[in-house]
Amino acid sequence: MIANRRSMHRSWPVAAALVTALTLTGCGNESDDVGGAPAPDEAVTADLKIVSLQLEFPEDGLHEEGDDVALYAALTNTGTTSYRLVDVKGPDFADARLVALDGSEGAVEVAENDNAYLEPEGPPSVILLDLATSLRSSQSIEVTFVFEDAGEVTMEAPVAPESPADGTFEAPEDPTEDN
């Protein structure tokens, strides 16, 4: 895929659109990946897929036990039936808050032949509440997506890698230099 996954947490809508377009058209080529491990993709049904699942990068480098953490993902629907994400659960967090496109708490609709992008900047979104473990970049936790009338799928959700492109990356100090 062409998108640099390390910068997806800052430019999520553009990156998600690229990833989704490549996934839906079958044009992706693993040899085109640039940096970092690929985010997991999983089919729920023949028409419904979860694409590029990641947990937000912790600004201070660590999600601590008890933190709330946003999920990034694209829910793609190439079929003629709408689907509803009604729950997200897992052993490493207490609960999840689902916010629908209209901003109300509740199920996330994935309309027929459309996509829903989960991101913390605006609805729809999914926030994992009260982490039971601490997490650093590239560590992952198990997350189960529950869809009404479509079943459920369990995936490993990795913490997004830090992006040097967002200006927060600092090179380590050179131990040979005098300070």
C-alpha atoms as a PDB file:
ATOM      1  CA  MET A   1       0.000   0.000   0.000  1.00  0.00           C
ATOM      2  CA  ILE A   2       1.168   3.491  -0.737  1.00  0.00           C
ATOM      3  CA  ALA A   3       0.198   5.262   2.512  1.00  0.00           C
ATOM      4  CA  ASN A   4       2.910   5.649   5.133  1.00  0.00           C
ATOM      5  CA  ARG A   5       1.299   3.962   8.130  1.00  0.00           C
ATOM      6  CA  ARG A   6       3.477   5.860  10.598  1.00  0.00           C
ATOM      7  CA  SER A   7       1.703   9.111   9.697  1.00  0.00           C
ATOM      8  CA  MET A   8      -1.856   7.729   9.671  1.00  0.00           C
ATOM      9  CA  HIS A   9      -2.719   8.923  13.173  1.00  0.00           C
ATOM     10  CA  ARG A  10      -2.322  12.568  12.097  1.00  0.00           C
ATOM     11  CA  SER A  11      -3.811  12.385   8.597  1.00  0.00           C
ATOM     12  CA  TRP A  12      -6.287   9.603   9.211  1.00  0.00           C
ATOM     13  CA  PRO A  13      -9.091  10.606   6.788  1.00  0.00           C
ATOM     14  CA  VAL A  14      -6.745  10.841   3.779  1.00  0.00           C
ATOM     15  CA  ALA A  15      -4.805   7.709   4.716  1.00  0.00           C
ATOM     16  CA  ALA A  16      -7.963   5.732   5.376  1.00  0.00           C
ATOM     17  CA  ALA A  17      -9.371   6.737   2.002  1.00  0.00           C
ATOM     18  CA  LEU A  18      -6.181   5.569   0.279  1.00  0.00           C
ATOM     19  CA  VAL A  19      -6.093   2.289   2.169  1.00  0.00           C
ATOM     20  CA  THR A  20      -9.764   1.659   1.502  1.00  0.00           C
ATOM     21  CA  ALA A  21      -9.491   2.505  -2.184  1.00  0.00           C
ATOM     22  CA  LEU A  22      -6.536   0.155  -2.608  1.00  0.00           C
ATOM     23  CA  THR A  23      -8.244  -2.599  -0.650  1.00  0.00           C
ATOM     24  CA  LEU A  24     -11.506  -2.318  -2.557  1.00  0.00           C
ATOM     25  CA  THR A  25      -9.882  -2.188  -5.987  1.00  0.00           C
ATOM     26  CA  GLY A  26      -7.374  -4.945  -5.294  1.00  0.00           C
ATOM     27  CA  CYS A  27      -4.476  -2.722  -6.366  1.00  0.00           C
ATOM     28  CA  GLY A  28      -2.517  -3.069  -3.125  1.00  0.00           C
ATOM     29  CA  ASN A  29       0.911  -4.627  -3.300  1.00  0.00           C
ATOM     30  CA  GLU A  30       2.701  -5.652  -0.115  1.00  0.00           C
ATOM     31  CA  SER A  31       6.059  -4.688  -1.635  1.00  0.00           C
ATOM     32  CA  ASP A  32       4.827  -1.073  -1.723  1.00  0.00           C
ATOM     33  CA  ASP A  33       4.544  -0.853   2.086  1.00  0.00           C
ATOM     34  CA  VAL A  34       6.623   1.919   3.584  1.00  0.00           C
ATOM     35  CA  GLY A  35       7.821   1.507   7.167  1.00  0.00           C
ATOM     36  CA  GLY A  36       6.178  -0.116  10.161  1.00  0.00           C
ATOM     37  CA  ALA A  37       4.118  -3.261  10.366  1.00  0.00           C
ATOM     38  CA  PRO A  38       0.856  -3.243   8.437  1.00  0.00           C
ATOM     39  CA  ALA A  39      -2.286  -2.593  10.432  1.00  0.00           C
ATOM     40  CA  PRO A  40      -4.583  -5.624  10.573  1.00  0.00           C
ATOM     41  CA  ASP A  41      -7.505  -6.080   8.163  1.00  0.00           C
ATOM     42  CA  GLU A  42     -10.269  -8.643   8.696  1.00  0.00           C
ATOM     43  CA  ALA A  43     -13.460  -9.679   6.902  1.00  0.00           C
ATOM     44  CA  VAL A  44     -16.615  -9.842   9.016  1.00  0.00           C
ATOM     45  CA  THR A  45     -18.771 -10.980   6.067  1.00  0.00           C
ATOM     46  CA  ALA A  46     -18.131 -11.144   2.326  1.00  0.00           C
ATOM     47  CA  ASP A  47     -19.169  -7.460   2.103  1.00  0.00           C
ATOM     48  CA  LEU A  48     -18.127  -6.041   5.489  1.00  0.00           C
ATOM     49  CA  LYS A  49     -14.454  -5.580   6.421  1.00  0.00           C
ATOM     50  CA  ILE A  50     -12.440  -3.861   9.143  1.00  0.00           C
ATOM     51  CA  VAL A  51      -9.446  -2.185   7.519  1.00  0.00           C
ATOM     52  CA  SER A  52      -6.282  -0.717   9.081  1.00  0.00           C
ATOM     53  CA  LEU A  53      -7.175  -1.229  12.732  1.00  0.00           C
ATOM     54  CA  GLN A  54      -4.926   0.690  15.155  1.00  0.00           C
ATOM     55  CA  LEU A  55      -5.021   2.238  18.599  1.00  0.00           C
ATOM     56  CA  GLU A  56      -4.069   5.902  18.780  1.00  0.00           C
ATOM     57  CA  PHE A  57      -0.428   6.685  19.494  1.00  0.00           C
ATOM     58  CA  PRO A  58       0.113   7.833  23.097  1.00  0.00           C
ATOM     59  CA  GLU A  59       1.458  11.394  22.972  1.00  0.00           C
ATOM     60  CA  ASP A  60       3.789  10.717  25.912  1.00  0.00           C
ATOM     61  CA  GLY A  61       4.806   7.294  24.545  1.00  0.00           C
ATOM     62  CA  LEU A  62       2.725   5.170  26.929  1.00  0.00           C
ATOM     63  CA  HIS A  63      -0.948   4.388  27.420  1.00  0.00           C
ATOM     64  CA  GLU A  64      -1.154   3.695  31.137  1.00  0.00           C
ATOM     65  CA  GLU A  65      -3.465   1.325  32.948  1.00  0.00           C
ATOM     66  CA  GLY A  66      -6.814   3.114  33.399  1.00  0.00           C
ATOM     67  CA  ASP A  67      -6.419   5.313  30.283  1.00  0.00           C
ATOM     68  CA  ASP A  68      -9.118   5.659  27.624  1.00  0.00           C
ATOM     69  CA  VAL A  69      -7.818   4.981  24.096  1.00  0.00           C
ATOM     70  CA  ALA A  70      -9.317   5.770  20.688  1.00  0.00           C
ATOM     71  CA  LEU A  71      -9.480   3.197  17.897  1.00  0.00           C
ATOM     72  CA  TYR A  72      -8.644   4.040  14.285  1.00  0.00           C
ATOM     73  CA  ALA A  73     -10.210   1.862  11.569  1.00  0.00           C
ATOM     74  CA  ALA A  74     -12.179   1.952   8.378  1.00  0.00           C
ATOM     75  CA  LEU A  75     -15.314  -0.175   8.271  1.00  0.00           C
ATOM     76  CA  THR A  76     -15.908  -0.931   4.596  1.00  0.00           C
ATOM     77  CA  ASN A  77     -19.193  -2.188   3.188  1.00  0.00           C
ATOM     78  CA  THR A  78     -19.293  -3.189  -0.489  1.00  0.00           C
ATOM     79  CA  GLY A  79     -22.722  -4.806  -0.232  1.00  0.00           C
ATOM     80  CA  THR A  80     -26.339  -3.763  -0.587  1.00  0.00           C
ATOM     81  CA  THR A  81     -27.189  -4.182   3.111  1.00  0.00           C
ATOM     82  CA  SER A  82     -26.383  -1.727   5.910  1.00  0.00           C
ATOM     83  CA  TYR A  83     -24.582  -3.014   9.005  1.00  0.00           C
ATOM     84  CA  ARG A  84     -24.493  -1.720  12.581  1.00  0.00           C
ATOM     85  CA  LEU A  85     -21.511  -1.969  14.930  1.00  0.00           C
ATOM     86  CA  VAL A  86     -23.252  -2.429  18.287  1.00  0.00           C
ATOM     87  CA  ASP A  87     -20.393  -3.275  20.656  1.00  0.00           C
ATOM     88  CA  VAL A  88     -16.616  -3.487  21.002  1.00  0.00           C
ATOM     89  CA  LYS A  89     -15.237  -5.671  23.774  1.00  0.00           C
ATOM     90  CA  GLY A  90     -12.002  -7.244  24.922  1.00  0.00           C
ATOM     91  CA  PRO A  91     -10.126  -8.586  27.928  1.00  0.00           C
ATOM     92  CA  ASP A  92      -7.769  -5.593  28.210  1.00  0.00           C
ATOM     93  CA  PHE A  93     -10.337  -2.793  28.703  1.00  0.00           C
ATOM     94  CA  ALA A  94     -13.480  -2.396  30.815  1.00  0.00           C
ATOM     95  CA  ASP A  95     -15.907  -1.138  28.148  1.00  0.00           C
ATOM     96  CA  ALA A  96     -16.129   0.842  24.915  1.00  0.00           C
ATOM     97  CA  ARG A  97     -17.972   4.050  24.047  1.00  0.00           C
ATOM     98  CA  LEU A  98     -19.443   3.996  20.544  1.00  0.00           C
ATOM     99  CA  VAL A  99     -20.442   7.352  19.056  1.00  0.00           C
ATOM    100  CA  ALA A 100     -22.685   7.344  15.993  1.00  0.00           C
ATOM    101  CA  LEU A 101     -22.274   9.683  13.024  1.00  0.00           C
ATOM    102  CA  ASP A 102     -24.885  12.080  14.468  1.00  0.00           C
ATOM    103  CA  GLY A 103     -22.808  12.425  17.674  1.00  0.00           C
ATOM    104  CA  SER A 104     -25.107  10.378  19.910  1.00  0.00           C
ATOM    105  CA  GLU A 105     -23.787   7.421  21.874  1.00  0.00           C
ATOM    106  CA  GLY A 106     -24.828   4.149  20.316  1.00  0.00           C
ATOM    107  CA  ALA A 107     -24.406   1.900  17.302  1.00  0.00           C
ATOM    108  CA  VAL A 108     -22.165   2.950  14.404  1.00  0.00           C
ATOM    109  CA  GLU A 109     -23.938   2.555  11.054  1.00  0.00           C
ATOM    110  CA  VAL A 110     -22.021   1.288   8.029  1.00  0.00           C
ATOM    111  CA  ALA A 111     -24.354   2.141   5.163  1.00  0.00           C
ATOM    112  CA  GLU A 112     -24.656  -0.034   2.087  1.00  0.00           C
ATOM    113  CA  ASN A 113     -21.837   0.474  -0.408  1.00  0.00           C
ATOM    114  CA  ASP A 114     -20.146   2.972   1.929  1.00  0.00           C
ATOM    115  CA  ASN A 115     -17.432   3.284   4.578  1.00  0.00           C
ATOM    116  CA  ALA A 116     -17.398   4.453   8.188  1.00  0.00           C
ATOM    117  CA  TYR A 117     -14.098   5.863   9.487  1.00  0.00           C
ATOM    118  CA  LEU A 118     -13.514   5.511  13.217  1.00  0.00           C
ATOM    119  CA  GLU A 119     -11.418   8.367  14.525  1.00  0.00           C
ATOM    120  CA  PRO A 120     -11.280  10.414  17.731  1.00  0.00           C
ATOM    121  CA  GLU A 121     -11.580  13.838  16.053  1.00  0.00           C
ATOM    122  CA  GLY A 122     -15.260  13.372  15.295  1.00  0.00           C
ATOM    123  CA  PRO A 123     -18.043  10.888  14.969  1.00  0.00           C
ATOM    124  CA  PRO A 124     -18.285   8.075  14.368  1.00  0.00           C
ATOM    125  CA  SER A 125     -15.767   6.932  16.928  1.00  0.00           C
ATOM    126  CA  VAL A 126     -14.938   4.127  19.331  1.00  0.00           C
ATOM    127  CA  ILE A 127     -13.101   4.818  22.582  1.00  0.00           C
ATOM    128  CA  LEU A 128     -11.842   1.919  24.684  1.00  0.00           C
ATOM    129  CA  LEU A 129     -12.417   2.764  28.345  1.00  0.00           C
ATOM    130  CA  ASP A 130     -10.245   1.964  31.359  1.00  0.00           C
ATOM    131  CA  LEU A 131      -7.311  -0.012  29.948  1.00  0.00           C
ATOM    132  CA  ALA A 132      -6.369  -2.986  32.126  1.00  0.00           C
ATOM    133  CA  THR A 133      -2.742  -2.884  30.966  1.00  0.00           C
ATOM    134  CA  SER A 134      -0.176  -0.329  29.861  1.00  0.00           C
ATOM    135  CA  LEU A 135       0.715  -0.156  26.155  1.00  0.00           C
ATOM    136  CA  ARG A 136       3.550   1.311  24.079  1.00  0.00           C
ATOM    137  CA  SER A 137       3.839   1.736  20.328  1.00  0.00           C
ATOM    138  CA  SER A 138       3.632  -1.568  18.417  1.00  0.00           C
ATOM    139  CA  GLN A 139       2.154  -3.469  21.374  1.00  0.00           C
ATOM    140  CA  SER A 140      -1.361  -4.747  20.805  1.00  0.00           C
ATOM    141  CA  ILE A 141      -4.506  -5.907  22.550  1.00  0.00           C
ATOM    142  CA  GLU A 142      -7.358  -8.155  21.495  1.00  0.00           C
ATOM    143  CA  VAL A 143     -10.495  -6.330  20.339  1.00  0.00           C
ATOM    144  CA  THR A 144     -13.811  -7.950  19.358  1.00  0.00           C
ATOM    145  CA  PHE A 145     -16.181  -6.036  17.070  1.00  0.00           C
ATOM    146  CA  VAL A 146     -19.844  -7.063  17.417  1.00  0.00           C
ATOM    147  CA  PHE A 147     -22.180  -6.321  14.506  1.00  0.00           C
ATOM    148  CA  GLU A 148     -25.952  -6.658  14.625  1.00  0.00           C
ATOM    149  CA  ASP A 149     -27.021  -9.420  12.198  1.00  0.00           C
ATOM    150  CA  ALA A 150     -23.438  -9.890  10.902  1.00  0.00           C
ATOM    151  CA  GLY A 151     -21.710 -11.577  13.832  1.00  0.00           C
ATOM    152  CA  GLU A 152     -18.444 -10.661  15.428  1.00  0.00           C
ATOM    153  CA  VAL A 153     -14.763 -10.704  14.642  1.00  0.00           C
ATOM    154  CA  THR A 154     -11.770 -10.603  17.007  1.00  0.00           C
ATOM    155  CA  MET A 155      -8.555  -8.879  15.952  1.00  0.00           C
ATOM    156  CA  GLU A 156      -5.260  -7.750  17.450  1.00  0.00           C
ATOM    157  CA  ALA A 157      -5.268  -3.931  17.588  1.00  0.00           C
ATOM    158  CA  PRO A 158      -1.695  -2.569  17.625  1.00  0.00           C
ATOM    159  CA  VAL A 159      -0.786   0.834  19.020  1.00  0.00           C
ATOM    160  CA  ALA A 160       0.046   3.108  16.068  1.00  0.00           C
ATOM    161  CA  PRO A 161       3.751   3.839  15.642  1.00  0.00           C
ATOM    162  CA  GLU A 162       5.044   7.355  16.307  1.00  0.00           C
ATOM    163  CA  SER A 163       5.446   9.398  13.167  1.00  0.00           C
ATOM    164  CA  PRO A 164       8.580  11.482  12.637  1.00  0.00           C
ATOM    165  CA  ALA A 165       6.551  13.497  10.095  1.00  0.00           C
ATOM    166  CA  ASP A 166       4.306  15.025  12.761  1.00  0.00           C
ATOM    167  CA  GLY A 167       7.153  16.975  14.341  1.00  0.00           C
ATOM    168  CA  THR A 168       7.114  15.116  17.659  1.00  0.00           C
ATOM    169  CA  PHE A 169       9.992  12.793  16.802  1.00  0.00           C
ATOM    170  CA  GLU A 170      13.291  13.737  18.381  1.00  0.00           C
ATOM    171  CA  ALA A 171      16.514  11.997  17.470  1.00  0.00           C
ATOM    172  CA  PRO A 172      18.280  10.405  20.425  1.00  0.00           C
ATOM    173  CA  GLU A 173      21.244  12.279  21.827  1.00  0.00           C
ATOM    174  CA  ASP A 174      24.597  11.276  20.388  1.00  0.00           C
ATOM    175  CA  PRO A 175      26.596   9.821  23.304  1.00  0.00           C
ATOM    176  CA  THR A 176      29.893  10.818  21.632  1.00  0.00           C
ATOM    177  CA  GLU A 177      29.098  14.554  21.771  1.00  0.00           C
ATOM    178  CA  ASP A 178      30.153  16.676  24.732  1.00  0.00           C
ATOM    179  CA  ASN A 179      27.240  18.462  26.391  1.00  0.00           C
END
